[in-house]
Amino acid sequence: MLLSEYNIKDFISILASKEPAPGGGAASALVGAVGNALSSMVANLTLGKQKFQGKESLMQEILREGEELQKTLISLIDKDTEAFNQVAGVFKMPKDTEEQKAVRSKAMQKALKEATLVPFSIMEKSVSALRLHEKALGNSNPAAVSDLGVGALCLKTALQGGWLNVKINLNSIKDTDFVREYESKGQKLLDEGMKLADRIFQHVLENL
């Protein structure tokens, strides 16, 4: 059974257990999915309101894009755990001979790269979801403006959580070109997303 198919209570119970996975990466993906869902909720609460007839196409766009993001973020809950398990599996490989050590080292580097790409995707999708929240600001039902603020906070957490998981894996990767690339890309996503989340939160505060 996939982690994303567990009910909330069971998922939280597994997260709290001594099992090393799911961990912070899967939690980040889940928080991102929750944050993303809130912009869809706000769009749904805006659609059909006569006052916002001129915003119908924008709300439909938010819903369409939000649905795709939701599918990806939910899938990343499972992918992050799978990536961790691949890394953990390498530790069980034999290392008695030089040849075995070389095979093990190569497998570890491959697994660590995959374990980096998954949280990097969480960062990408979190920033995309924040952009949807920004689109909804001032164009959606004002009764739900606080929900956009909560969504932005969730996505900020998912973004930062993704970055922490990218960083910890990059520390063990020997491919310097790969490390430089994802250090740079990740930092840009972090900077953009943090500013965006803070801007949304401030706007919400000023309109409560």
N, C-alpha and C. Protein backbone atom coordinates (compact mmCIF):
# COMPACT_ATOMS: atom_id res chain seq x y z
N MET A 1 0.84 -1.20 0.00
CA MET A 1 0.00 0.00 0.00
C MET A 1 0.88 1.25 0.00
N LEU A 2 0.58 2.18 -0.88
CA LEU A 2 1.35 3.41 -0.97
C LEU A 2 1.08 4.29 0.24
N LEU A 3 2.09 5.04 0.66
CA LEU A 3 1.92 5.95 1.78
C LEU A 3 0.81 6.96 1.53
N SER A 4 0.71 7.41 0.29
CA SER A 4 -0.30 8.41 -0.07
C SER A 4 -1.72 7.86 0.04
N GLU A 5 -1.85 6.54 0.18
CA GLU A 5 -3.17 5.93 0.30
C GLU A 5 -3.58 5.69 1.76
N TYR A 6 -2.67 5.97 2.68
CA TYR A 6 -2.99 5.80 4.10
C TYR A 6 -3.94 6.90 4.55
N ASN A 7 -4.75 6.60 5.58
CA ASN A 7 -5.55 7.68 6.15
C ASN A 7 -4.63 8.57 7.00
N ILE A 8 -5.11 9.73 7.35
CA ILE A 8 -4.27 10.72 8.03
C ILE A 8 -3.69 10.18 9.33
N LYS A 9 -4.52 9.55 10.15
CA LYS A 9 -4.06 9.06 11.45
C LYS A 9 -2.96 8.02 11.30
N ASP A 10 -3.11 7.11 10.34
CA ASP A 10 -2.11 6.07 10.14
C ASP A 10 -0.80 6.65 9.59
N PHE A 11 -0.91 7.61 8.69
CA PHE A 11 0.28 8.24 8.12
C PHE A 11 1.07 8.94 9.22
N ILE A 12 0.38 9.71 10.05
CA ILE A 12 1.04 10.42 11.14
C ILE A 12 1.68 9.45 12.12
N SER A 13 1.01 8.33 12.36
CA SER A 13 1.54 7.32 13.26
C SER A 13 2.85 6.73 12.73
N ILE A 14 2.88 6.43 11.44
CA ILE A 14 4.10 5.90 10.81
C ILE A 14 5.21 6.95 10.85
N LEU A 15 4.83 8.19 10.58
CA LEU A 15 5.80 9.29 10.59
C LEU A 15 6.44 9.44 11.97
N ALA A 16 5.65 9.21 13.01
CA ALA A 16 6.14 9.37 14.39
C ALA A 16 6.92 8.17 14.89
N SER A 17 6.90 7.07 14.16
CA SER A 17 7.54 5.84 14.62
C SER A 17 9.06 5.90 14.44
N LYS A 18 9.74 4.84 14.86
CA LYS A 18 11.20 4.78 14.74
C LYS A 18 11.66 4.44 13.33
N GLU A 19 10.72 4.17 12.43
CA GLU A 19 11.09 3.91 11.04
C GLU A 19 11.71 5.18 10.43
N PRO A 20 12.84 5.06 9.74
CA PRO A 20 13.50 6.25 9.19
C PRO A 20 12.77 6.85 7.99
N ALA A 21 11.87 6.07 7.39
CA ALA A 21 11.07 6.58 6.26
C ALA A 21 9.63 6.09 6.43
N PRO A 22 8.66 6.96 6.20
CA PRO A 22 8.77 8.33 5.68
C PRO A 22 9.39 9.27 6.70
N GLY A 23 10.00 10.32 6.16
CA GLY A 23 10.63 11.32 7.01
C GLY A 23 10.30 12.72 6.55
N GLY A 24 11.29 13.60 6.69
CA GLY A 24 11.06 15.01 6.39
C GLY A 24 10.71 15.31 4.94
N GLY A 25 11.25 14.52 4.02
CA GLY A 25 10.94 14.75 2.60
C GLY A 25 9.49 14.45 2.28
N ALA A 26 9.02 13.28 2.74
CA ALA A 26 7.63 12.92 2.52
C ALA A 26 6.69 13.89 3.22
N ALA A 27 7.09 14.32 4.42
CA ALA A 27 6.29 15.30 5.16
C ALA A 27 6.21 16.62 4.39
N SER A 28 7.31 17.01 3.77
CA SER A 28 7.33 18.25 2.98
C SER A 28 6.38 18.15 1.78
N ALA A 29 6.39 17.00 1.13
CA ALA A 29 5.49 16.80 -0.02
C ALA A 29 4.03 16.86 0.43
N LEU A 30 3.74 16.25 1.58
CA LEU A 30 2.38 16.27 2.11
C LEU A 30 1.93 17.68 2.46
N VAL A 31 2.79 18.42 3.14
CA VAL A 31 2.46 19.80 3.50
C VAL A 31 2.27 20.64 2.23
N GLY A 32 3.09 20.37 1.22
CA GLY A 32 2.93 21.08 -0.05
C GLY A 32 1.59 20.78 -0.70
N ALA A 33 1.17 19.52 -0.65
CA ALA A 33 -0.12 19.14 -1.22
C ALA A 33 -1.27 19.82 -0.48
N VAL A 34 -1.14 19.92 0.84
CA VAL A 34 -2.16 20.61 1.64
C VAL A 34 -2.22 22.09 1.25
N GLY A 35 -1.05 22.71 1.15
CA GLY A 35 -1.02 24.12 0.77
C GLY A 35 -1.59 24.36 -0.61
N ASN A 36 -1.22 23.50 -1.56
CA ASN A 36 -1.72 23.63 -2.92
C ASN A 36 -3.24 23.48 -2.96
N ALA A 37 -3.78 22.56 -2.17
CA ALA A 37 -5.21 22.31 -2.16
C ALA A 37 -6.01 23.55 -1.74
N LEU A 38 -5.40 24.39 -0.92
CA LEU A 38 -6.13 25.56 -0.42
C LEU A 38 -6.40 26.59 -1.51
N SER A 39 -5.51 26.72 -2.49
CA SER A 39 -5.81 27.65 -3.60
C SER A 39 -6.95 27.10 -4.44
N SER A 40 -7.03 25.78 -4.58
CA SER A 40 -8.15 25.16 -5.30
C SER A 40 -9.45 25.38 -4.53
N MET A 41 -9.39 25.26 -3.22
CA MET A 41 -10.57 25.51 -2.40
C MET A 41 -11.07 26.94 -2.59
N VAL A 42 -10.15 27.89 -2.56
CA VAL A 42 -10.52 29.30 -2.73
C VAL A 42 -11.12 29.53 -4.12
N ALA A 43 -10.55 28.89 -5.13
CA ALA A 43 -11.10 29.01 -6.49
C ALA A 43 -12.52 28.44 -6.55
N ASN A 44 -12.72 27.30 -5.92
CA ASN A 44 -14.06 26.69 -5.90
C ASN A 44 -15.07 27.55 -5.15
N LEU A 45 -14.61 28.26 -4.14
CA LEU A 45 -15.50 29.14 -3.37
C LEU A 45 -15.78 30.46 -4.10
N THR A 46 -15.03 30.69 -5.16
CA THR A 46 -15.20 31.92 -5.96
C THR A 46 -16.08 31.66 -7.19
N LEU A 47 -15.93 30.47 -7.77
CA LEU A 47 -16.71 30.12 -8.95
C LEU A 47 -18.21 30.14 -8.65
N GLY A 48 -18.97 30.66 -9.62
CA GLY A 48 -20.43 30.67 -9.47
C GLY A 48 -20.96 31.88 -8.72
N LYS A 49 -20.08 32.70 -8.20
CA LYS A 49 -20.50 33.91 -7.50
C LYS A 49 -20.65 35.04 -8.53
N GLN A 50 -21.82 35.66 -8.54
CA GLN A 50 -22.09 36.69 -9.54
C GLN A 50 -21.08 37.83 -9.47
N LYS A 51 -20.66 38.14 -8.26
CA LYS A 51 -19.72 39.23 -8.05
C LYS A 51 -18.39 38.97 -8.75
N PHE A 52 -18.07 37.69 -8.98
CA PHE A 52 -16.77 37.33 -9.56
C PHE A 52 -16.91 36.68 -10.94
N GLN A 53 -17.97 37.04 -11.64
CA GLN A 53 -18.18 36.46 -12.98
C GLN A 53 -17.00 36.72 -13.91
N GLY A 54 -16.39 37.88 -13.76
CA GLY A 54 -15.26 38.23 -14.62
C GLY A 54 -13.99 37.46 -14.29
N LYS A 55 -14.01 36.73 -13.20
CA LYS A 55 -12.83 35.97 -12.78
C LYS A 55 -12.99 34.47 -13.01
N GLU A 56 -14.08 34.08 -13.68
CA GLU A 56 -14.37 32.65 -13.87
C GLU A 56 -13.22 31.93 -14.58
N SER A 57 -12.73 32.53 -15.67
CA SER A 57 -11.68 31.85 -16.45
C SER A 57 -10.39 31.72 -15.63
N LEU A 58 -10.08 32.73 -14.83
CA LEU A 58 -8.89 32.68 -13.98
C LEU A 58 -9.03 31.59 -12.93
N MET A 59 -10.21 31.48 -12.33
CA MET A 59 -10.42 30.46 -11.31
C MET A 59 -10.36 29.05 -11.91
N GLN A 60 -10.88 28.90 -13.12
CA GLN A 60 -10.80 27.61 -13.81
C GLN A 60 -9.34 27.26 -14.11
N GLU A 61 -8.57 28.26 -14.46
CA GLU A 61 -7.14 28.05 -14.74
C GLU A 61 -6.42 27.60 -13.47
N ILE A 62 -6.73 28.24 -12.34
CA ILE A 62 -6.13 27.87 -11.06
C ILE A 62 -6.50 26.42 -10.71
N LEU A 63 -7.75 26.06 -10.95
CA LEU A 63 -8.18 24.69 -10.65
C LEU A 63 -7.48 23.66 -11.53
N ARG A 64 -7.35 23.97 -12.82
CA ARG A 64 -6.69 23.04 -13.74
C ARG A 64 -5.23 22.83 -13.35
N GLU A 65 -4.53 23.93 -13.15
CA GLU A 65 -3.12 23.84 -12.80
C GLU A 65 -2.94 23.22 -11.42
N GLY A 66 -3.84 23.56 -10.51
CA GLY A 66 -3.77 23.03 -9.16
C GLY A 66 -3.97 21.52 -9.12
N GLU A 67 -4.85 21.03 -9.98
CA GLU A 67 -5.10 19.59 -10.02
C GLU A 67 -3.85 18.83 -10.45
N GLU A 68 -3.15 19.35 -11.44
CA GLU A 68 -1.92 18.69 -11.90
C GLU A 68 -0.84 18.74 -10.83
N LEU A 69 -0.72 19.89 -10.18
CA LEU A 69 0.27 20.01 -9.11
C LEU A 69 -0.05 19.06 -7.97
N GLN A 70 -1.33 18.91 -7.68
CA GLN A 70 -1.74 18.04 -6.58
C GLN A 70 -1.34 16.59 -6.84
N LYS A 71 -1.56 16.15 -8.06
CA LYS A 71 -1.19 14.78 -8.42
C LYS A 71 0.30 14.56 -8.22
N THR A 72 1.09 15.54 -8.65
CA THR A 72 2.54 15.39 -8.55
C THR A 72 3.01 15.43 -7.10
N LEU A 73 2.50 16.38 -6.33
CA LEU A 73 2.93 16.49 -4.93
C LEU A 73 2.57 15.24 -4.14
N ILE A 74 1.39 14.69 -4.38
CA ILE A 74 1.00 13.46 -3.69
C ILE A 74 1.91 12.30 -4.09
N SER A 75 2.24 12.23 -5.38
CA SER A 75 3.14 11.16 -5.83
C SER A 75 4.53 11.30 -5.22
N LEU A 76 4.93 12.52 -4.92
CA LEU A 76 6.26 12.76 -4.35
C LEU A 76 6.36 12.28 -2.90
N ILE A 77 5.22 12.12 -2.22
CA ILE A 77 5.23 11.53 -0.88
C ILE A 77 5.84 10.13 -0.97
N ASP A 78 5.38 9.37 -1.94
CA ASP A 78 5.85 8.00 -2.12
C ASP A 78 7.24 7.96 -2.74
N LYS A 79 7.49 8.84 -3.70
CA LYS A 79 8.78 8.83 -4.37
C LYS A 79 9.92 9.18 -3.42
N ASP A 80 9.66 10.09 -2.49
CA ASP A 80 10.73 10.45 -1.54
C ASP A 80 11.09 9.26 -0.66
N THR A 81 10.08 8.54 -0.21
CA THR A 81 10.34 7.37 0.62
C THR A 81 11.04 6.27 -0.17
N GLU A 82 10.64 6.09 -1.43
CA GLU A 82 11.30 5.10 -2.29
C GLU A 82 12.77 5.47 -2.50
N ALA A 83 13.03 6.76 -2.69
CA ALA A 83 14.42 7.21 -2.91
C ALA A 83 15.27 6.95 -1.67
N PHE A 84 14.70 7.22 -0.49
CA PHE A 84 15.43 6.95 0.75
C PHE A 84 15.72 5.46 0.89
N ASN A 85 14.72 4.64 0.58
CA ASN A 85 14.90 3.19 0.71
C ASN A 85 15.97 2.67 -0.24
N GLN A 86 16.12 3.31 -1.39
CA GLN A 86 17.18 2.92 -2.32
C GLN A 86 18.56 3.20 -1.71
N VAL A 87 18.69 4.35 -1.07
CA VAL A 87 19.95 4.70 -0.40
C VAL A 87 20.22 3.70 0.72
N ALA A 88 19.19 3.42 1.52
CA ALA A 88 19.34 2.48 2.64
C ALA A 88 19.73 1.09 2.13
N GLY A 89 19.19 0.72 0.97
CA GLY A 89 19.48 -0.59 0.39
C GLY A 89 20.94 -0.73 -0.01
N VAL A 90 21.55 0.36 -0.43
CA VAL A 90 22.96 0.31 -0.83
C VAL A 90 23.86 -0.04 0.35
N PHE A 91 23.48 0.40 1.54
CA PHE A 91 24.28 0.11 2.73
C PHE A 91 24.35 -1.39 3.02
N LYS A 92 23.41 -2.14 2.48
CA LYS A 92 23.38 -3.59 2.70
C LYS A 92 24.21 -4.36 1.67
N MET A 93 24.71 -3.63 0.66
CA MET A 93 25.52 -4.29 -0.37
C MET A 93 26.87 -4.71 0.20
N PRO A 94 27.41 -5.83 -0.30
CA PRO A 94 28.71 -6.31 0.22
C PRO A 94 29.85 -5.34 -0.12
N LYS A 95 30.85 -5.31 0.74
CA LYS A 95 32.02 -4.44 0.53
C LYS A 95 33.30 -5.13 0.99
N ASP A 96 33.36 -6.42 0.74
CA ASP A 96 34.51 -7.21 1.19
C ASP A 96 35.72 -7.07 0.26
N THR A 97 35.44 -6.86 -1.04
CA THR A 97 36.54 -6.75 -2.01
C THR A 97 36.55 -5.35 -2.61
N GLU A 98 37.65 -5.03 -3.27
CA GLU A 98 37.75 -3.71 -3.91
C GLU A 98 36.69 -3.55 -4.99
N GLU A 99 36.45 -4.65 -5.71
CA GLU A 99 35.42 -4.60 -6.76
C GLU A 99 34.04 -4.34 -6.16
N GLN A 100 33.72 -5.01 -5.07
CA GLN A 100 32.44 -4.81 -4.40
C GLN A 100 32.32 -3.38 -3.87
N LYS A 101 33.42 -2.87 -3.35
CA LYS A 101 33.41 -1.49 -2.85
C LYS A 101 33.13 -0.50 -3.98
N ALA A 102 33.71 -0.76 -5.14
CA ALA A 102 33.53 0.14 -6.29
C ALA A 102 32.07 0.10 -6.77
N VAL A 103 31.52 -1.11 -6.85
CA VAL A 103 30.12 -1.27 -7.27
C VAL A 103 29.20 -0.58 -6.26
N ARG A 104 29.50 -0.76 -4.99
CA ARG A 104 28.69 -0.17 -3.93
C ARG A 104 28.75 1.36 -3.98
N SER A 105 29.95 1.89 -4.20
CA SER A 105 30.13 3.34 -4.26
C SER A 105 29.35 3.95 -5.44
N LYS A 106 29.42 3.27 -6.59
CA LYS A 106 28.70 3.76 -7.77
C LYS A 106 27.20 3.73 -7.53
N ALA A 107 26.72 2.67 -6.91
CA ALA A 107 25.29 2.54 -6.62
C ALA A 107 24.83 3.62 -5.63
N MET A 108 25.69 3.93 -4.66
CA MET A 108 25.37 4.94 -3.67
C MET A 108 25.25 6.32 -4.32
N GLN A 109 26.17 6.63 -5.20
CA GLN A 109 26.13 7.94 -5.86
C GLN A 109 24.86 8.08 -6.72
N LYS A 110 24.49 7.01 -7.39
CA LYS A 110 23.27 7.04 -8.20
C LYS A 110 22.05 7.22 -7.30
N ALA A 111 22.00 6.52 -6.19
CA ALA A 111 20.87 6.60 -5.26
C ALA A 111 20.78 7.98 -4.62
N LEU A 112 21.92 8.57 -4.30
CA LEU A 112 21.93 9.89 -3.68
C LEU A 112 21.45 10.97 -4.65
N LYS A 113 21.77 10.80 -5.92
CA LYS A 113 21.29 11.76 -6.91
C LYS A 113 19.77 11.69 -7.02
N GLU A 114 19.23 10.50 -7.04
CA GLU A 114 17.78 10.34 -7.10
C GLU A 114 17.14 10.92 -5.84
N ALA A 115 17.79 10.71 -4.71
CA ALA A 115 17.27 11.23 -3.44
C ALA A 115 17.36 12.76 -3.38
N THR A 116 18.17 13.35 -4.25
CA THR A 116 18.25 14.81 -4.37
C THR A 116 17.17 15.34 -5.30
N LEU A 117 16.95 14.62 -6.40
CA LEU A 117 16.00 15.09 -7.41
C LEU A 117 14.56 15.12 -6.90
N VAL A 118 14.21 14.19 -6.01
CA VAL A 118 12.83 14.16 -5.51
C VAL A 118 12.51 15.40 -4.68
N PRO A 119 13.29 15.74 -3.66
CA PRO A 119 12.97 16.96 -2.92
C PRO A 119 13.13 18.23 -3.75
N PHE A 120 14.01 18.17 -4.75
CA PHE A 120 14.12 19.31 -5.67
C PHE A 120 12.79 19.50 -6.40
N SER A 121 12.15 18.40 -6.79
CA SER A 121 10.84 18.48 -7.43
C SER A 121 9.79 19.05 -6.48
N ILE A 122 9.90 18.70 -5.19
CA ILE A 122 9.00 19.27 -4.19
C ILE A 122 9.14 20.79 -4.17
N MET A 123 10.37 21.26 -4.26
CA MET A 123 10.63 22.70 -4.29
C MET A 123 10.00 23.34 -5.53
N GLU A 124 10.21 22.71 -6.68
CA GLU A 124 9.66 23.25 -7.93
C GLU A 124 8.15 23.36 -7.86
N LYS A 125 7.50 22.31 -7.41
CA LYS A 125 6.04 22.29 -7.38
C LYS A 125 5.50 23.25 -6.32
N SER A 126 6.23 23.41 -5.24
CA SER A 126 5.80 24.36 -4.20
C SER A 126 5.82 25.79 -4.73
N VAL A 127 6.84 26.14 -5.48
CA VAL A 127 6.92 27.47 -6.06
C VAL A 127 5.80 27.67 -7.09
N SER A 128 5.54 26.65 -7.90
CA SER A 128 4.44 26.74 -8.87
C SER A 128 3.11 26.94 -8.16
N ALA A 129 2.92 26.25 -7.05
CA ALA A 129 1.67 26.38 -6.29
C ALA A 129 1.57 27.76 -5.65
N LEU A 130 2.69 28.31 -5.22
CA LEU A 130 2.68 29.67 -4.67
C LEU A 130 2.28 30.69 -5.74
N ARG A 131 2.69 30.46 -6.95
CA ARG A 131 2.31 31.36 -8.04
C ARG A 131 0.80 31.34 -8.25
N LEU A 132 0.19 30.18 -8.07
CA LEU A 132 -1.28 30.08 -8.18
C LEU A 132 -1.94 30.88 -7.06
N HIS A 133 -1.39 30.78 -5.87
CA HIS A 133 -1.92 31.57 -4.75
C HIS A 133 -1.85 33.05 -5.07
N GLU A 134 -0.74 33.47 -5.66
CA GLU A 134 -0.59 34.89 -5.99
C GLU A 134 -1.62 35.32 -7.03
N LYS A 135 -1.90 34.45 -7.98
CA LYS A 135 -2.92 34.76 -8.99
C LYS A 135 -4.29 34.97 -8.35
N ALA A 136 -4.56 34.23 -7.29
CA ALA A 136 -5.87 34.30 -6.64
C ALA A 136 -6.03 35.55 -5.78
N LEU A 137 -4.92 36.12 -5.35
CA LEU A 137 -4.97 37.30 -4.48
C LEU A 137 -5.71 38.45 -5.15
N GLY A 138 -6.71 38.97 -4.48
CA GLY A 138 -7.45 40.11 -5.02
C GLY A 138 -8.42 39.75 -6.12
N ASN A 139 -8.45 38.50 -6.53
CA ASN A 139 -9.34 38.07 -7.61
C ASN A 139 -10.34 37.02 -7.15
N SER A 140 -10.28 36.64 -5.89
CA SER A 140 -11.10 35.55 -5.38
C SER A 140 -11.98 36.02 -4.22
N ASN A 141 -12.82 35.14 -3.77
CA ASN A 141 -13.75 35.43 -2.68
C ASN A 141 -12.98 35.92 -1.44
N PRO A 142 -13.20 37.17 -1.02
CA PRO A 142 -12.44 37.70 0.12
C PRO A 142 -12.72 36.98 1.44
N ALA A 143 -13.84 36.28 1.51
CA ALA A 143 -14.17 35.54 2.72
C ALA A 143 -13.18 34.40 2.96
N ALA A 144 -12.46 34.01 1.91
CA ALA A 144 -11.50 32.90 2.02
C ALA A 144 -10.06 33.37 1.91
N VAL A 145 -9.82 34.66 2.07
CA VAL A 145 -8.46 35.18 1.90
C VAL A 145 -7.49 34.58 2.92
N SER A 146 -7.98 34.29 4.14
CA SER A 146 -7.09 33.70 5.15
C SER A 146 -6.60 32.32 4.72
N ASP A 147 -7.43 31.62 3.94
CA ASP A 147 -7.03 30.29 3.46
C ASP A 147 -5.85 30.39 2.49
N LEU A 148 -5.80 31.47 1.72
CA LEU A 148 -4.64 31.68 0.86
C LEU A 148 -3.38 31.91 1.70
N GLY A 149 -3.54 32.59 2.82
CA GLY A 149 -2.41 32.81 3.71
C GLY A 149 -1.90 31.52 4.30
N VAL A 150 -2.83 30.67 4.74
CA VAL A 150 -2.43 29.37 5.29
C VAL A 150 -1.77 28.52 4.21
N GLY A 151 -2.33 28.56 3.01
CA GLY A 151 -1.75 27.80 1.90
C GLY A 151 -0.32 28.23 1.61
N ALA A 152 -0.10 29.55 1.63
CA ALA A 152 1.25 30.07 1.39
C ALA A 152 2.22 29.62 2.47
N LEU A 153 1.76 29.59 3.72
CA LEU A 153 2.62 29.14 4.81
C LEU A 153 2.98 27.67 4.67
N CYS A 154 2.00 26.86 4.29
CA CYS A 154 2.27 25.44 4.07
C CYS A 154 3.29 25.24 2.95
N LEU A 155 3.11 25.98 1.88
CA LEU A 155 4.01 25.84 0.74
C LEU A 155 5.41 26.36 1.04
N LYS A 156 5.48 27.38 1.87
CA LYS A 156 6.80 27.88 2.31
C LYS A 156 7.52 26.79 3.09
N THR A 157 6.80 26.11 3.96
CA THR A 157 7.38 25.02 4.73
C THR A 157 7.82 23.88 3.82
N ALA A 158 6.98 23.53 2.84
CA ALA A 158 7.33 22.47 1.89
C ALA A 158 8.58 22.84 1.10
N LEU A 159 8.67 24.09 0.71
CA LEU A 159 9.82 24.58 -0.04
C LEU A 159 11.09 24.48 0.79
N GLN A 160 11.04 24.97 2.02
CA GLN A 160 12.21 24.91 2.89
C GLN A 160 12.58 23.47 3.25
N GLY A 161 11.56 22.66 3.48
CA GLY A 161 11.81 21.25 3.79
C GLY A 161 12.46 20.53 2.63
N GLY A 162 11.99 20.83 1.42
CA GLY A 162 12.60 20.25 0.23
C GLY A 162 14.07 20.65 0.12
N TRP A 163 14.35 21.91 0.41
CA TRP A 163 15.72 22.41 0.31
C TRP A 163 16.65 21.72 1.31
N LEU A 164 16.16 21.51 2.53
CA LEU A 164 16.97 20.81 3.53
C LEU A 164 17.33 19.40 3.06
N ASN A 165 16.39 18.74 2.40
CA ASN A 165 16.64 17.38 1.91
C ASN A 165 17.54 17.37 0.68
N VAL A 166 17.45 18.41 -0.14
CA VAL A 166 18.39 18.54 -1.25
C VAL A 166 19.81 18.71 -0.70
N LYS A 167 19.94 19.62 0.25
CA LYS A 167 21.26 19.94 0.80
C LYS A 167 21.94 18.75 1.46
N ILE A 168 21.18 17.99 2.26
CA ILE A 168 21.82 16.90 2.99
C ILE A 168 22.32 15.81 2.04
N ASN A 169 21.65 15.64 0.92
CA ASN A 169 22.11 14.65 -0.06
C ASN A 169 23.27 15.17 -0.89
N LEU A 170 23.24 16.46 -1.23
CA LEU A 170 24.35 17.03 -2.00
C LEU A 170 25.67 16.92 -1.24
N ASN A 171 25.60 16.94 0.09
CA ASN A 171 26.81 16.86 0.90
C ASN A 171 27.60 15.57 0.67
N SER A 172 26.91 14.52 0.19
CA SER A 172 27.57 13.22 0.01
C SER A 172 27.79 12.85 -1.45
N ILE A 173 27.46 13.76 -2.36
CA ILE A 173 27.61 13.48 -3.79
C ILE A 173 28.96 13.99 -4.29
N LYS A 174 29.68 13.14 -5.01
CA LYS A 174 31.03 13.47 -5.46
C LYS A 174 31.07 14.19 -6.81
N ASP A 175 29.99 14.11 -7.56
CA ASP A 175 29.91 14.76 -8.87
C ASP A 175 29.77 16.27 -8.66
N THR A 176 30.87 16.99 -8.80
CA THR A 176 30.88 18.43 -8.49
C THR A 176 29.97 19.23 -9.42
N ASP A 177 29.87 18.81 -10.69
CA ASP A 177 28.99 19.52 -11.62
C ASP A 177 27.53 19.39 -11.18
N PHE A 178 27.15 18.20 -10.77
CA PHE A 178 25.78 17.95 -10.29
C PHE A 178 25.51 18.80 -9.04
N VAL A 179 26.47 18.80 -8.13
CA VAL A 179 26.31 19.56 -6.88
C VAL A 179 26.15 21.05 -7.18
N ARG A 180 27.02 21.59 -8.02
CA ARG A 180 26.94 23.02 -8.36
C ARG A 180 25.60 23.36 -9.02
N GLU A 181 25.16 22.48 -9.92
CA GLU A 181 23.91 22.72 -10.64
C GLU A 181 22.72 22.80 -9.69
N TYR A 182 22.62 21.83 -8.80
CA TYR A 182 21.44 21.80 -7.92
C TYR A 182 21.56 22.73 -6.72
N GLU A 183 22.77 23.10 -6.35
CA GLU A 183 22.95 24.16 -5.35
C GLU A 183 22.39 25.47 -5.93
N SER A 184 22.77 25.74 -7.18
CA SER A 184 22.34 26.99 -7.83
C SER A 184 20.84 27.01 -8.10
N LYS A 185 20.34 25.93 -8.71
CA LYS A 185 18.91 25.87 -9.02
C LYS A 185 18.06 25.91 -7.75
N GLY A 186 18.50 25.17 -6.74
CA GLY A 186 17.75 25.10 -5.49
C GLY A 186 17.71 26.45 -4.79
N GLN A 187 18.85 27.14 -4.77
CA GLN A 187 18.90 28.45 -4.11
C GLN A 187 17.99 29.45 -4.81
N LYS A 188 17.94 29.39 -6.13
CA LYS A 188 17.06 30.30 -6.88
C LYS A 188 15.60 30.03 -6.56
N LEU A 189 15.22 28.75 -6.51
CA LEU A 189 13.85 28.40 -6.15
C LEU A 189 13.52 28.86 -4.74
N LEU A 190 14.47 28.64 -3.83
CA LEU A 190 14.25 29.03 -2.44
C LEU A 190 14.04 30.53 -2.33
N ASP A 191 14.89 31.30 -2.98
CA ASP A 191 14.79 32.76 -2.92
C ASP A 191 13.47 33.26 -3.49
N GLU A 192 13.11 32.72 -4.66
CA GLU A 192 11.85 33.15 -5.29
C GLU A 192 10.65 32.77 -4.42
N GLY A 193 10.63 31.51 -3.97
CA GLY A 193 9.49 31.02 -3.22
C GLY A 193 9.32 31.69 -1.87
N MET A 194 10.43 31.95 -1.18
CA MET A 194 10.35 32.60 0.13
C MET A 194 9.78 34.01 -0.01
N LYS A 195 10.27 34.75 -0.99
CA LYS A 195 9.76 36.10 -1.21
C LYS A 195 8.28 36.08 -1.58
N LEU A 196 7.91 35.13 -2.41
CA LEU A 196 6.53 35.01 -2.86
C LEU A 196 5.61 34.66 -1.68
N ALA A 197 6.02 33.70 -0.88
CA ALA A 197 5.21 33.29 0.27
C ALA A 197 5.04 34.43 1.27
N ASP A 198 6.12 35.15 1.52
CA ASP A 198 6.05 36.27 2.46
C ASP A 198 5.17 37.40 1.92
N ARG A 199 5.26 37.62 0.61
CA ARG A 199 4.43 38.67 -0.02
C ARG A 199 2.95 38.31 0.09
N ILE A 200 2.63 37.05 -0.17
CA ILE A 200 1.23 36.59 -0.07
C ILE A 200 0.74 36.73 1.37
N PHE A 201 1.55 36.26 2.31
CA PHE A 201 1.16 36.32 3.73
C PHE A 201 0.92 37.76 4.17
N GLN A 202 1.80 38.67 3.77
CA GLN A 202 1.64 40.08 4.14
C GLN A 202 0.37 40.67 3.53
N HIS A 203 0.10 40.33 2.28
CA HIS A 203 -1.12 40.81 1.62
C HIS A 203 -2.36 40.33 2.37
N VAL A 204 -2.33 39.05 2.75
CA VAL A 204 -3.47 38.49 3.48
C VAL A 204 -3.67 39.22 4.82
N LEU A 205 -2.58 39.41 5.55
CA LEU A 205 -2.67 40.11 6.83
C LEU A 205 -3.29 41.50 6.68
N GLU A 206 -2.88 42.19 5.64
CA GLU A 206 -3.36 43.56 5.42
C GLU A 206 -4.80 43.61 4.96
N ASN A 207 -5.35 42.46 4.56
CA ASN A 207 -6.72 42.43 4.07
C ASN A 207 -7.68 41.66 4.98
N LEU A 208 -7.26 41.42 6.19
CA LEU A 208 -8.13 40.75 7.17
C LEU A 208 -8.89 41.81 7.99
